[in-house]
């Protein structure tokens, strides 16, 4: 902790069920030098990685579809989300993590990935940093059917769709996942599928 304007006064554990939820009480020195006492709840679920798998030749991308309870509770009628492959680092470095997750979720074994950026996805309440990657795939890289690991209860459907269709799905509201939209827009801006 390097910011001299912040002094953590208390850290109270609220939940250690799935991940860690803490209530942090701290002093914050404002620009006018007044000190404010503030309290925030902070959710720590670890850091993650995500990847857009793309094929220049066929102009397709690999995405996944799976049930997401938080979206279901917040108005997503069937709870299903179309997303780029992603996962938590689980003590791996980001590159090893995304290669492992790609094989588990999509069935493609990839060796060459390129990190394009990293992002705090919800910095007001979640500590997580997501490392964003892109990587080319081909049918020769398919080693299994994917779908995730049974013990993680993922039930993932693998989708291979055209890049143009994926962009239309954003416009129609069929893709609402931030990391997926960011990766598809990155691919569009950087002409990855040209």
N, C-alpha and C. Protein backbone atom coordinates (compact mmCIF):
# COMPACT_ATOMS: atom_id res chain seq x y z
N UNK A 1 0.85 -1.17 0.00
CA UNK A 1 0.00 0.00 0.00
C UNK A 1 0.90 1.24 0.00
N UNK A 2 0.89 1.96 -1.09
CA UNK A 2 1.85 3.04 -1.28
C UNK A 2 1.26 4.43 -1.20
N UNK A 3 -0.05 4.58 -1.12
CA UNK A 3 -0.66 5.90 -1.14
C UNK A 3 -0.68 6.49 0.26
N UNK A 4 0.09 7.57 0.51
CA UNK A 4 0.13 8.15 1.85
C UNK A 4 -1.17 8.83 2.27
N UNK A 5 -2.10 9.04 1.34
CA UNK A 5 -3.39 9.67 1.66
C UNK A 5 -4.42 8.66 2.15
N UNK A 6 -4.06 7.38 2.15
CA UNK A 6 -4.98 6.32 2.58
C UNK A 6 -4.41 5.63 3.82
N UNK A 7 -5.23 5.48 4.84
CA UNK A 7 -4.83 4.74 6.03
C UNK A 7 -5.95 3.76 6.37
N UNK A 8 -5.68 2.46 6.23
CA UNK A 8 -6.66 1.44 6.56
C UNK A 8 -6.74 1.31 8.08
N UNK A 9 -7.96 1.47 8.59
CA UNK A 9 -8.17 1.42 10.04
C UNK A 9 -8.64 0.04 10.49
N UNK A 10 -9.46 -0.62 9.65
CA UNK A 10 -10.03 -1.90 10.06
C UNK A 10 -10.40 -2.71 8.82
N UNK A 11 -10.24 -4.02 8.93
CA UNK A 11 -10.65 -4.95 7.88
C UNK A 11 -11.43 -6.07 8.54
N UNK A 12 -12.74 -6.10 8.29
CA UNK A 12 -13.62 -7.09 8.92
C UNK A 12 -14.07 -8.12 7.88
N UNK A 13 -13.84 -9.38 8.17
CA UNK A 13 -14.26 -10.46 7.29
C UNK A 13 -15.77 -10.65 7.42
N UNK A 14 -16.48 -10.47 6.30
CA UNK A 14 -17.93 -10.65 6.28
C UNK A 14 -18.33 -12.03 5.78
N UNK A 15 -17.54 -12.57 4.82
CA UNK A 15 -17.85 -13.88 4.27
C UNK A 15 -16.60 -14.50 3.68
N UNK A 16 -16.46 -15.79 3.92
CA UNK A 16 -15.38 -16.58 3.32
C UNK A 16 -16.00 -17.87 2.80
N UNK A 17 -17.14 -17.74 2.15
CA UNK A 17 -17.90 -18.88 1.68
C UNK A 17 -17.40 -19.34 0.32
N UNK A 18 -17.66 -18.53 -0.71
CA UNK A 18 -17.21 -18.88 -2.06
C UNK A 18 -15.87 -18.21 -2.32
N UNK A 19 -15.85 -16.89 -2.11
CA UNK A 19 -14.62 -16.10 -2.13
C UNK A 19 -14.63 -15.23 -0.88
N UNK A 20 -13.91 -14.12 -0.87
CA UNK A 20 -13.76 -13.36 0.37
C UNK A 20 -14.43 -11.99 0.23
N UNK A 21 -15.31 -11.68 1.17
CA UNK A 21 -15.95 -10.37 1.24
C UNK A 21 -15.53 -9.73 2.55
N UNK A 22 -14.95 -8.52 2.44
CA UNK A 22 -14.50 -7.79 3.62
C UNK A 22 -15.14 -6.41 3.68
N UNK A 23 -15.27 -5.91 4.89
CA UNK A 23 -15.70 -4.53 5.13
C UNK A 23 -14.44 -3.78 5.56
N UNK A 24 -14.04 -2.81 4.74
CA UNK A 24 -12.81 -2.05 5.00
C UNK A 24 -13.19 -0.66 5.48
N UNK A 25 -12.65 -0.26 6.62
CA UNK A 25 -12.81 1.09 7.14
C UNK A 25 -11.46 1.78 7.00
N UNK A 26 -11.49 2.99 6.42
CA UNK A 26 -10.22 3.67 6.15
C UNK A 26 -10.39 5.18 6.24
N UNK A 27 -9.26 5.86 6.38
CA UNK A 27 -9.24 7.31 6.30
C UNK A 27 -8.68 7.70 4.94
N UNK A 28 -9.32 8.72 4.35
CA UNK A 28 -8.93 9.19 3.02
C UNK A 28 -8.68 10.69 3.11
N UNK A 29 -7.45 11.09 2.80
CA UNK A 29 -7.11 12.52 2.82
C UNK A 29 -7.50 13.14 1.49
N UNK A 30 -8.46 14.06 1.53
CA UNK A 30 -8.96 14.70 0.32
C UNK A 30 -7.95 15.75 -0.18
N UNK A 31 -8.19 16.28 -1.37
CA UNK A 31 -7.28 17.28 -1.95
C UNK A 31 -7.18 18.55 -1.13
N UNK A 32 -8.21 18.86 -0.35
CA UNK A 32 -8.17 20.04 0.52
C UNK A 32 -7.56 19.72 1.89
N UNK A 33 -6.92 18.56 2.00
CA UNK A 33 -6.24 18.05 3.19
C UNK A 33 -7.17 17.61 4.33
N UNK A 34 -8.47 17.75 4.15
CA UNK A 34 -9.39 17.22 5.15
C UNK A 34 -9.36 15.70 5.08
N UNK A 35 -9.51 15.05 6.23
CA UNK A 35 -9.50 13.59 6.28
C UNK A 35 -10.93 13.10 6.51
N UNK A 36 -11.35 12.19 5.63
CA UNK A 36 -12.68 11.58 5.71
C UNK A 36 -12.54 10.13 6.12
N UNK A 37 -13.40 9.69 6.99
CA UNK A 37 -13.48 8.26 7.32
C UNK A 37 -14.52 7.64 6.41
N UNK A 38 -14.16 6.55 5.73
CA UNK A 38 -15.05 5.89 4.80
C UNK A 38 -15.07 4.39 5.07
N UNK A 39 -16.15 3.74 4.64
CA UNK A 39 -16.28 2.29 4.76
C UNK A 39 -16.74 1.75 3.40
N UNK A 40 -16.09 0.67 2.96
CA UNK A 40 -16.47 0.03 1.70
C UNK A 40 -16.43 -1.49 1.88
N UNK A 41 -17.35 -2.17 1.19
CA UNK A 41 -17.27 -3.62 1.11
C UNK A 41 -16.46 -3.97 -0.13
N UNK A 42 -15.53 -4.91 0.03
CA UNK A 42 -14.61 -5.29 -1.04
C UNK A 42 -14.68 -6.80 -1.22
N UNK A 43 -14.94 -7.20 -2.46
CA UNK A 43 -15.06 -8.63 -2.78
C UNK A 43 -13.78 -9.08 -3.49
N UNK A 44 -13.13 -10.09 -2.95
CA UNK A 44 -11.89 -10.63 -3.53
C UNK A 44 -12.17 -12.04 -4.03
N UNK A 45 -12.21 -12.17 -5.34
CA UNK A 45 -12.44 -13.49 -5.94
C UNK A 45 -11.20 -13.98 -6.69
N UNK A 46 -10.09 -13.26 -6.55
CA UNK A 46 -8.88 -13.61 -7.26
C UNK A 46 -8.84 -12.93 -8.62
N UNK A 47 -7.72 -13.02 -9.29
CA UNK A 47 -7.55 -12.44 -10.62
C UNK A 47 -7.85 -13.48 -11.68
N UNK A 48 -8.13 -13.03 -12.90
CA UNK A 48 -8.51 -13.95 -13.95
C UNK A 48 -7.86 -13.61 -15.29
N UNK A 49 -8.21 -14.42 -16.27
CA UNK A 49 -7.73 -14.23 -17.63
C UNK A 49 -8.86 -14.59 -18.59
N UNK A 50 -8.85 -13.96 -19.75
CA UNK A 50 -9.84 -14.24 -20.79
C UNK A 50 -9.16 -14.18 -22.15
N UNK A 51 -9.78 -14.85 -23.13
CA UNK A 51 -9.16 -14.90 -24.47
C UNK A 51 -10.24 -14.88 -25.55
N UNK A 52 -9.91 -14.21 -26.64
CA UNK A 52 -10.71 -14.32 -27.85
C UNK A 52 -9.95 -15.23 -28.80
N UNK A 53 -10.53 -16.39 -29.06
CA UNK A 53 -9.98 -17.31 -30.05
C UNK A 53 -10.56 -16.92 -31.41
N UNK A 54 -9.68 -16.75 -32.39
CA UNK A 54 -10.15 -16.32 -33.71
C UNK A 54 -9.42 -17.08 -34.80
N UNK A 55 -10.10 -17.23 -35.95
CA UNK A 55 -9.54 -17.91 -37.11
C UNK A 55 -9.62 -16.95 -38.29
N UNK A 56 -8.46 -16.48 -38.74
CA UNK A 56 -8.41 -15.51 -39.84
C UNK A 56 -8.97 -16.09 -41.14
N UNK A 57 -8.66 -17.35 -41.39
CA UNK A 57 -9.06 -17.97 -42.65
C UNK A 57 -10.59 -18.08 -42.77
N UNK A 58 -11.23 -18.60 -41.73
CA UNK A 58 -12.68 -18.77 -41.78
C UNK A 58 -13.43 -17.55 -41.25
N UNK A 59 -12.68 -16.59 -40.69
CA UNK A 59 -13.26 -15.38 -40.10
C UNK A 59 -14.30 -15.72 -39.02
N UNK A 60 -13.90 -16.64 -38.13
CA UNK A 60 -14.77 -17.08 -37.05
C UNK A 60 -14.10 -16.85 -35.70
N UNK A 61 -14.92 -16.90 -34.68
CA UNK A 61 -14.44 -16.81 -33.30
C UNK A 61 -15.08 -17.94 -32.50
N UNK A 62 -14.42 -18.32 -31.42
CA UNK A 62 -14.95 -19.31 -30.49
C UNK A 62 -15.42 -18.57 -29.25
N UNK A 63 -16.69 -18.74 -28.90
CA UNK A 63 -17.25 -18.19 -27.68
C UNK A 63 -17.92 -19.33 -26.91
N UNK A 64 -18.37 -19.05 -25.72
CA UNK A 64 -19.04 -20.06 -24.91
C UNK A 64 -20.39 -19.53 -24.46
N UNK A 65 -21.26 -20.48 -24.08
CA UNK A 65 -22.56 -20.10 -23.51
C UNK A 65 -22.72 -20.93 -22.24
N UNK A 66 -23.07 -20.24 -21.15
CA UNK A 66 -23.32 -20.95 -19.91
C UNK A 66 -24.25 -20.14 -19.01
N UNK A 67 -24.83 -20.81 -18.04
CA UNK A 67 -25.74 -20.18 -17.08
C UNK A 67 -24.95 -19.37 -16.08
N UNK A 68 -25.42 -18.13 -15.81
CA UNK A 68 -24.80 -17.24 -14.82
C UNK A 68 -25.89 -16.74 -13.87
N UNK A 69 -25.89 -17.28 -12.65
CA UNK A 69 -26.92 -16.95 -11.66
C UNK A 69 -27.05 -15.44 -11.40
N UNK A 70 -25.96 -14.68 -11.21
CA UNK A 70 -26.14 -13.25 -10.94
C UNK A 70 -26.93 -12.53 -12.04
N UNK A 71 -26.74 -12.91 -13.31
CA UNK A 71 -27.49 -12.26 -14.38
C UNK A 71 -28.96 -12.68 -14.33
N UNK A 72 -29.20 -13.92 -13.97
CA UNK A 72 -30.57 -14.41 -13.85
C UNK A 72 -31.33 -13.63 -12.78
N UNK A 73 -30.66 -13.36 -11.67
CA UNK A 73 -31.28 -12.61 -10.58
C UNK A 73 -31.48 -11.14 -10.93
N UNK A 74 -30.78 -10.67 -11.98
CA UNK A 74 -30.87 -9.26 -12.36
C UNK A 74 -31.51 -9.08 -13.74
N UNK A 75 -32.49 -9.93 -14.08
CA UNK A 75 -33.31 -9.69 -15.24
C UNK A 75 -32.98 -10.46 -16.50
N UNK A 76 -31.91 -11.27 -16.51
CA UNK A 76 -31.60 -12.09 -17.68
C UNK A 76 -32.54 -13.30 -17.62
N UNK A 77 -33.54 -13.32 -18.50
CA UNK A 77 -34.66 -14.26 -18.38
C UNK A 77 -34.27 -15.73 -18.27
N UNK A 78 -33.27 -16.17 -19.04
CA UNK A 78 -32.87 -17.57 -18.93
C UNK A 78 -31.52 -17.75 -18.22
N UNK A 79 -30.87 -16.64 -17.89
CA UNK A 79 -29.60 -16.70 -17.17
C UNK A 79 -28.41 -17.11 -18.01
N UNK A 80 -28.63 -17.36 -19.30
CA UNK A 80 -27.54 -17.80 -20.16
C UNK A 80 -26.75 -16.60 -20.68
N UNK A 81 -25.43 -16.74 -20.71
CA UNK A 81 -24.54 -15.67 -21.17
C UNK A 81 -23.60 -16.22 -22.23
N UNK A 82 -23.41 -15.44 -23.29
CA UNK A 82 -22.42 -15.76 -24.31
C UNK A 82 -21.17 -14.98 -23.96
N UNK A 83 -20.05 -15.70 -23.84
CA UNK A 83 -18.83 -15.09 -23.33
C UNK A 83 -17.59 -15.62 -24.05
N UNK A 84 -16.52 -14.84 -23.94
CA UNK A 84 -15.21 -15.34 -24.31
C UNK A 84 -14.76 -16.31 -23.22
N UNK A 85 -13.96 -17.27 -23.58
CA UNK A 85 -13.39 -18.22 -22.62
C UNK A 85 -12.64 -17.44 -21.54
N UNK A 86 -12.81 -17.85 -20.29
CA UNK A 86 -12.16 -17.14 -19.18
C UNK A 86 -12.07 -18.05 -17.96
N UNK A 87 -11.23 -17.64 -17.02
CA UNK A 87 -11.12 -18.38 -15.77
C UNK A 87 -10.24 -17.67 -14.78
N UNK A 88 -10.30 -18.13 -13.54
CA UNK A 88 -9.45 -17.58 -12.48
C UNK A 88 -8.04 -18.12 -12.59
N UNK A 89 -7.07 -17.32 -12.17
CA UNK A 89 -5.67 -17.72 -12.30
C UNK A 89 -5.32 -18.95 -11.46
N UNK A 90 -5.93 -19.09 -10.29
CA UNK A 90 -5.64 -20.25 -9.42
C UNK A 90 -4.15 -20.48 -9.25
N UNK A 91 -3.42 -19.46 -8.89
CA UNK A 91 -1.97 -19.52 -8.63
C UNK A 91 -1.11 -19.64 -9.89
N UNK A 92 -1.72 -19.75 -11.07
CA UNK A 92 -0.95 -19.78 -12.33
C UNK A 92 -0.62 -18.37 -12.76
N UNK A 93 0.36 -18.26 -13.67
CA UNK A 93 0.54 -16.97 -14.31
C UNK A 93 -0.58 -16.83 -15.35
N UNK A 94 -0.90 -15.61 -15.79
CA UNK A 94 -2.04 -15.42 -16.68
C UNK A 94 -1.96 -16.23 -17.98
N UNK A 95 -0.79 -16.35 -18.59
CA UNK A 95 -0.67 -17.08 -19.85
C UNK A 95 -0.95 -18.57 -19.67
N UNK A 96 -0.37 -19.17 -18.63
CA UNK A 96 -0.63 -20.59 -18.38
C UNK A 96 -2.11 -20.82 -18.05
N UNK A 97 -2.68 -19.90 -17.28
CA UNK A 97 -4.09 -20.01 -16.92
C UNK A 97 -4.97 -20.04 -18.16
N UNK A 98 -4.77 -19.10 -19.07
CA UNK A 98 -5.68 -19.01 -20.21
C UNK A 98 -5.49 -20.18 -21.17
N UNK A 99 -4.31 -20.71 -21.24
CA UNK A 99 -4.10 -21.91 -22.07
C UNK A 99 -4.85 -23.10 -21.46
N UNK A 100 -4.78 -23.25 -20.14
CA UNK A 100 -5.49 -24.33 -19.45
C UNK A 100 -7.00 -24.16 -19.60
N UNK A 101 -7.49 -22.96 -19.35
CA UNK A 101 -8.93 -22.70 -19.44
C UNK A 101 -9.45 -22.91 -20.86
N UNK A 102 -8.66 -22.53 -21.86
CA UNK A 102 -9.07 -22.70 -23.25
C UNK A 102 -9.31 -24.16 -23.56
N UNK A 103 -8.39 -25.01 -23.13
CA UNK A 103 -8.55 -26.44 -23.39
C UNK A 103 -9.74 -27.01 -22.62
N UNK A 104 -9.88 -26.64 -21.34
CA UNK A 104 -10.98 -27.16 -20.52
C UNK A 104 -12.34 -26.72 -21.06
N UNK A 105 -12.46 -25.44 -21.40
CA UNK A 105 -13.76 -24.89 -21.77
C UNK A 105 -14.12 -25.10 -23.24
N UNK A 106 -13.14 -24.96 -24.14
CA UNK A 106 -13.45 -24.99 -25.57
C UNK A 106 -12.99 -26.26 -26.27
N UNK A 107 -12.03 -26.98 -25.67
CA UNK A 107 -11.49 -28.17 -26.31
C UNK A 107 -10.33 -27.90 -27.26
N UNK A 108 -9.92 -26.64 -27.37
CA UNK A 108 -8.79 -26.30 -28.25
C UNK A 108 -7.52 -26.17 -27.42
N UNK A 109 -6.45 -26.84 -27.88
CA UNK A 109 -5.15 -26.73 -27.22
C UNK A 109 -4.32 -25.72 -28.01
N UNK A 110 -4.12 -24.56 -27.40
CA UNK A 110 -3.38 -23.50 -28.08
C UNK A 110 -2.04 -23.29 -27.39
N UNK A 111 -1.05 -22.93 -28.18
CA UNK A 111 0.28 -22.68 -27.63
C UNK A 111 0.68 -21.23 -27.71
N UNK A 112 0.16 -20.52 -28.71
CA UNK A 112 0.57 -19.15 -28.94
C UNK A 112 -0.57 -18.20 -28.59
N UNK A 113 -0.39 -17.42 -27.54
CA UNK A 113 -1.36 -16.40 -27.14
C UNK A 113 -0.64 -15.08 -27.01
N UNK A 114 -1.41 -14.00 -27.15
CA UNK A 114 -0.80 -12.66 -27.03
C UNK A 114 -1.64 -11.84 -26.06
N UNK A 115 -0.98 -11.32 -25.02
CA UNK A 115 -1.68 -10.47 -24.06
C UNK A 115 -1.86 -9.09 -24.70
N UNK A 116 -3.09 -8.56 -24.59
CA UNK A 116 -3.36 -7.26 -25.20
C UNK A 116 -3.59 -6.16 -24.18
N UNK A 117 -4.09 -6.48 -22.99
CA UNK A 117 -4.21 -5.49 -21.91
C UNK A 117 -4.72 -6.20 -20.66
N UNK A 118 -4.77 -5.46 -19.55
CA UNK A 118 -5.37 -5.96 -18.32
C UNK A 118 -6.26 -4.87 -17.75
N UNK A 119 -7.34 -5.29 -17.05
CA UNK A 119 -8.39 -4.37 -16.66
C UNK A 119 -8.94 -4.73 -15.28
N UNK A 120 -9.23 -3.69 -14.47
CA UNK A 120 -10.09 -3.86 -13.30
C UNK A 120 -11.51 -3.77 -13.83
N UNK A 121 -12.29 -4.84 -13.72
CA UNK A 121 -13.62 -4.86 -14.33
C UNK A 121 -14.69 -4.12 -13.52
N UNK A 122 -14.58 -4.12 -12.22
CA UNK A 122 -15.57 -3.45 -11.37
C UNK A 122 -14.85 -2.85 -10.16
N UNK A 123 -14.04 -1.80 -10.39
CA UNK A 123 -13.12 -1.31 -9.36
C UNK A 123 -13.78 -0.69 -8.14
N UNK A 124 -15.08 -0.43 -8.19
CA UNK A 124 -15.76 0.12 -7.03
C UNK A 124 -16.02 -0.89 -5.93
N UNK A 125 -15.95 -2.19 -6.27
CA UNK A 125 -16.27 -3.18 -5.24
C UNK A 125 -15.51 -4.50 -5.36
N UNK A 126 -14.87 -4.76 -6.50
CA UNK A 126 -14.21 -6.05 -6.71
C UNK A 126 -12.72 -5.82 -6.97
N UNK A 127 -11.88 -6.62 -6.33
CA UNK A 127 -10.42 -6.47 -6.47
C UNK A 127 -9.88 -7.03 -7.77
N UNK A 128 -10.62 -7.87 -8.45
CA UNK A 128 -10.15 -8.65 -9.60
C UNK A 128 -9.56 -7.82 -10.75
N UNK A 129 -8.40 -8.29 -11.22
CA UNK A 129 -7.81 -7.82 -12.47
C UNK A 129 -7.99 -8.95 -13.47
N UNK A 130 -8.45 -8.63 -14.69
CA UNK A 130 -8.55 -9.64 -15.74
C UNK A 130 -7.50 -9.34 -16.79
N UNK A 131 -6.73 -10.36 -17.15
CA UNK A 131 -5.71 -10.28 -18.19
C UNK A 131 -6.35 -10.73 -19.50
N UNK A 132 -6.32 -9.87 -20.51
CA UNK A 132 -6.97 -10.12 -21.80
C UNK A 132 -5.97 -10.63 -22.82
N UNK A 133 -6.34 -11.72 -23.50
CA UNK A 133 -5.49 -12.34 -24.52
C UNK A 133 -6.27 -12.52 -25.82
N UNK A 134 -5.53 -12.65 -26.91
CA UNK A 134 -6.08 -13.11 -28.18
C UNK A 134 -5.20 -14.25 -28.65
N UNK A 135 -5.78 -15.15 -29.43
CA UNK A 135 -5.01 -16.28 -29.96
C UNK A 135 -5.73 -16.90 -31.14
N UNK A 136 -4.94 -17.30 -32.14
CA UNK A 136 -5.52 -17.94 -33.32
C UNK A 136 -5.75 -19.42 -33.04
N UNK A 137 -6.82 -19.94 -33.61
CA UNK A 137 -7.11 -21.37 -33.49
C UNK A 137 -7.37 -21.94 -34.88
N UNK A 138 -7.24 -23.26 -34.97
CA UNK A 138 -7.61 -23.99 -36.19
C UNK A 138 -8.24 -25.30 -35.76
N UNK A 139 -8.91 -25.96 -36.70
CA UNK A 139 -9.55 -27.23 -36.38
C UNK A 139 -8.54 -28.28 -35.93
N UNK A 140 -7.29 -28.16 -36.39
CA UNK A 140 -6.24 -29.11 -36.00
C UNK A 140 -5.91 -29.03 -34.51
N UNK A 141 -6.27 -27.93 -33.87
CA UNK A 141 -5.97 -27.73 -32.44
C UNK A 141 -7.05 -28.32 -31.54
N UNK A 142 -8.12 -28.82 -32.11
CA UNK A 142 -9.22 -29.37 -31.33
C UNK A 142 -8.80 -30.73 -30.76
N UNK A 143 -8.74 -30.83 -29.42
CA UNK A 143 -8.30 -32.07 -28.78
C UNK A 143 -9.41 -32.76 -27.99
N UNK A 144 -10.49 -32.03 -27.71
CA UNK A 144 -11.64 -32.62 -27.04
C UNK A 144 -12.85 -31.72 -27.28
N UNK A 145 -13.99 -32.07 -26.70
CA UNK A 145 -15.22 -31.30 -26.92
C UNK A 145 -15.36 -30.08 -26.03
N UNK A 146 -14.46 -29.90 -25.07
CA UNK A 146 -14.58 -28.76 -24.16
C UNK A 146 -15.76 -28.93 -23.24
N UNK A 147 -16.32 -27.84 -22.80
CA UNK A 147 -17.49 -27.89 -21.93
C UNK A 147 -17.20 -27.65 -20.47
N UNK A 148 -15.92 -27.52 -20.11
CA UNK A 148 -15.56 -27.30 -18.71
C UNK A 148 -15.39 -28.59 -17.96
N UNK A 149 -15.00 -28.45 -16.71
CA UNK A 149 -14.76 -29.61 -15.85
C UNK A 149 -16.02 -29.95 -15.07
N UNK A 150 -16.35 -31.23 -14.99
CA UNK A 150 -17.55 -31.67 -14.28
C UNK A 150 -17.56 -31.22 -12.83
N UNK A 151 -16.40 -31.34 -12.16
CA UNK A 151 -16.38 -30.98 -10.73
C UNK A 151 -16.54 -29.48 -10.50
N UNK A 152 -16.38 -28.65 -11.54
CA UNK A 152 -16.62 -27.22 -11.42
C UNK A 152 -18.04 -26.84 -11.83
N UNK A 153 -18.83 -27.83 -12.24
CA UNK A 153 -20.24 -27.65 -12.60
C UNK A 153 -20.44 -26.51 -13.61
N UNK A 154 -19.60 -26.48 -14.66
CA UNK A 154 -19.66 -25.37 -15.61
C UNK A 154 -20.71 -25.55 -16.70
N UNK A 155 -20.89 -26.75 -17.24
CA UNK A 155 -21.89 -26.99 -18.29
C UNK A 155 -21.80 -25.98 -19.42
N UNK A 156 -20.65 -25.90 -20.05
CA UNK A 156 -20.37 -24.90 -21.07
C UNK A 156 -20.66 -25.43 -22.46
N UNK A 157 -21.37 -24.63 -23.24
CA UNK A 157 -21.62 -24.93 -24.65
C UNK A 157 -20.60 -24.12 -25.47
N UNK A 158 -19.92 -24.78 -26.39
CA UNK A 158 -18.92 -24.12 -27.23
C UNK A 158 -19.59 -23.66 -28.52
N UNK A 159 -19.37 -22.38 -28.86
CA UNK A 159 -19.96 -21.79 -30.05
C UNK A 159 -18.87 -21.34 -31.01
N UNK A 160 -18.98 -21.73 -32.26
CA UNK A 160 -18.11 -21.19 -33.30
C UNK A 160 -18.99 -20.37 -34.22
N UNK A 161 -18.77 -19.06 -34.24
CA UNK A 161 -19.61 -18.18 -35.05
C UNK A 161 -18.74 -17.24 -35.86
N UNK A 162 -19.33 -16.68 -36.90
CA UNK A 162 -18.54 -15.73 -37.70
C UNK A 162 -18.31 -14.48 -36.87
N UNK A 163 -17.20 -13.83 -37.17
CA UNK A 163 -16.87 -12.59 -36.47
C UNK A 163 -17.97 -11.56 -36.70
N UNK A 164 -18.44 -11.45 -37.93
CA UNK A 164 -19.49 -10.48 -38.25
C UNK A 164 -20.75 -10.76 -37.43
N UNK A 165 -21.10 -12.04 -37.30
CA UNK A 165 -22.27 -12.40 -36.49
C UNK A 165 -22.08 -11.99 -35.04
N UNK A 166 -20.87 -12.17 -34.51
CA UNK A 166 -20.62 -11.79 -33.11
C UNK A 166 -20.81 -10.30 -32.90
N UNK A 167 -20.40 -9.48 -33.88
CA UNK A 167 -20.59 -8.03 -33.76
C UNK A 167 -22.08 -7.68 -33.81
N UNK A 168 -22.83 -8.38 -34.64
CA UNK A 168 -24.28 -8.16 -34.72
C UNK A 168 -24.96 -8.59 -33.41
N UNK A 169 -24.44 -9.62 -32.77
CA UNK A 169 -25.00 -10.09 -31.50
C UNK A 169 -24.83 -9.04 -30.40
N UNK A 170 -23.74 -8.27 -30.47
CA UNK A 170 -23.57 -7.16 -29.53
C UNK A 170 -24.65 -6.12 -29.78
N UNK A 171 -24.82 -5.75 -31.04
CA UNK A 171 -25.82 -4.73 -31.39
C UNK A 171 -27.23 -5.15 -30.99
N UNK A 172 -27.55 -6.44 -31.11
CA UNK A 172 -28.88 -6.94 -30.79
C UNK A 172 -29.07 -7.19 -29.29
N UNK A 173 -28.00 -7.04 -28.51
CA UNK A 173 -28.09 -7.29 -27.08
C UNK A 173 -28.00 -8.76 -26.71
N UNK A 174 -27.55 -9.60 -27.64
CA UNK A 174 -27.41 -11.02 -27.36
C UNK A 174 -26.10 -11.33 -26.65
N UNK A 175 -25.10 -10.47 -26.83
CA UNK A 175 -23.85 -10.56 -26.07
C UNK A 175 -23.81 -9.35 -25.16
N UNK A 176 -23.83 -9.61 -23.84
CA UNK A 176 -23.87 -8.54 -22.84
C UNK A 176 -22.70 -8.62 -21.86
N UNK A 177 -21.78 -9.51 -22.10
CA UNK A 177 -20.65 -9.70 -21.20
C UNK A 177 -19.55 -8.70 -21.56
N UNK A 178 -19.12 -7.91 -20.58
CA UNK A 178 -18.17 -6.83 -20.83
C UNK A 178 -16.85 -7.32 -21.41
N UNK A 179 -16.28 -8.37 -20.85
CA UNK A 179 -14.97 -8.82 -21.33
C UNK A 179 -15.06 -9.31 -22.78
N UNK A 180 -16.17 -9.93 -23.13
CA UNK A 180 -16.37 -10.42 -24.49
C UNK A 180 -16.53 -9.26 -25.46
N UNK A 181 -17.33 -8.28 -25.09
CA UNK A 181 -17.50 -7.10 -25.94
C UNK A 181 -16.16 -6.40 -26.13
N UNK A 182 -15.39 -6.27 -25.07
CA UNK A 182 -14.09 -5.60 -25.17
C UNK A 182 -13.16 -6.34 -26.13
N UNK A 183 -13.13 -7.66 -26.04
CA UNK A 183 -12.25 -8.43 -26.93
C UNK A 183 -12.72 -8.38 -28.38
N UNK A 184 -14.02 -8.46 -28.61
CA UNK A 184 -14.53 -8.38 -29.98
C UNK A 184 -14.27 -7.00 -30.57
N UNK A 185 -14.43 -5.96 -29.77
CA UNK A 185 -14.13 -4.62 -30.26
C UNK A 185 -12.63 -4.44 -30.50
N UNK A 186 -11.80 -5.04 -29.64
CA UNK A 186 -10.36 -5.01 -29.87
C UNK A 186 -10.03 -5.65 -31.22
N UNK A 187 -10.65 -6.80 -31.49
CA UNK A 187 -10.40 -7.49 -32.75
C UNK A 187 -10.85 -6.64 -33.94
N UNK A 188 -11.97 -5.97 -33.77
CA UNK A 188 -12.47 -5.11 -34.85
C UNK A 188 -11.55 -3.91 -35.08
N UNK A 189 -11.17 -3.22 -34.02
CA UNK A 189 -10.32 -2.04 -34.13
C UNK A 189 -8.96 -2.39 -34.71
N UNK A 190 -8.43 -3.56 -34.35
CA UNK A 190 -7.09 -3.96 -34.77
C UNK A 190 -7.08 -4.88 -36.00
N UNK A 191 -8.25 -5.02 -36.64
CA UNK A 191 -8.35 -5.81 -37.88
C UNK A 191 -7.76 -7.21 -37.76
N UNK A 192 -8.04 -7.90 -36.67
CA UNK A 192 -7.48 -9.23 -36.45
C UNK A 192 -7.98 -10.26 -37.46
N UNK A 193 -9.19 -10.08 -37.96
CA UNK A 193 -9.76 -11.07 -38.85
C UNK A 193 -9.77 -10.62 -40.31
N UNK A 194 -8.87 -9.72 -40.65
CA UNK A 194 -8.77 -9.24 -42.04
C UNK A 194 -7.83 -10.11 -42.81
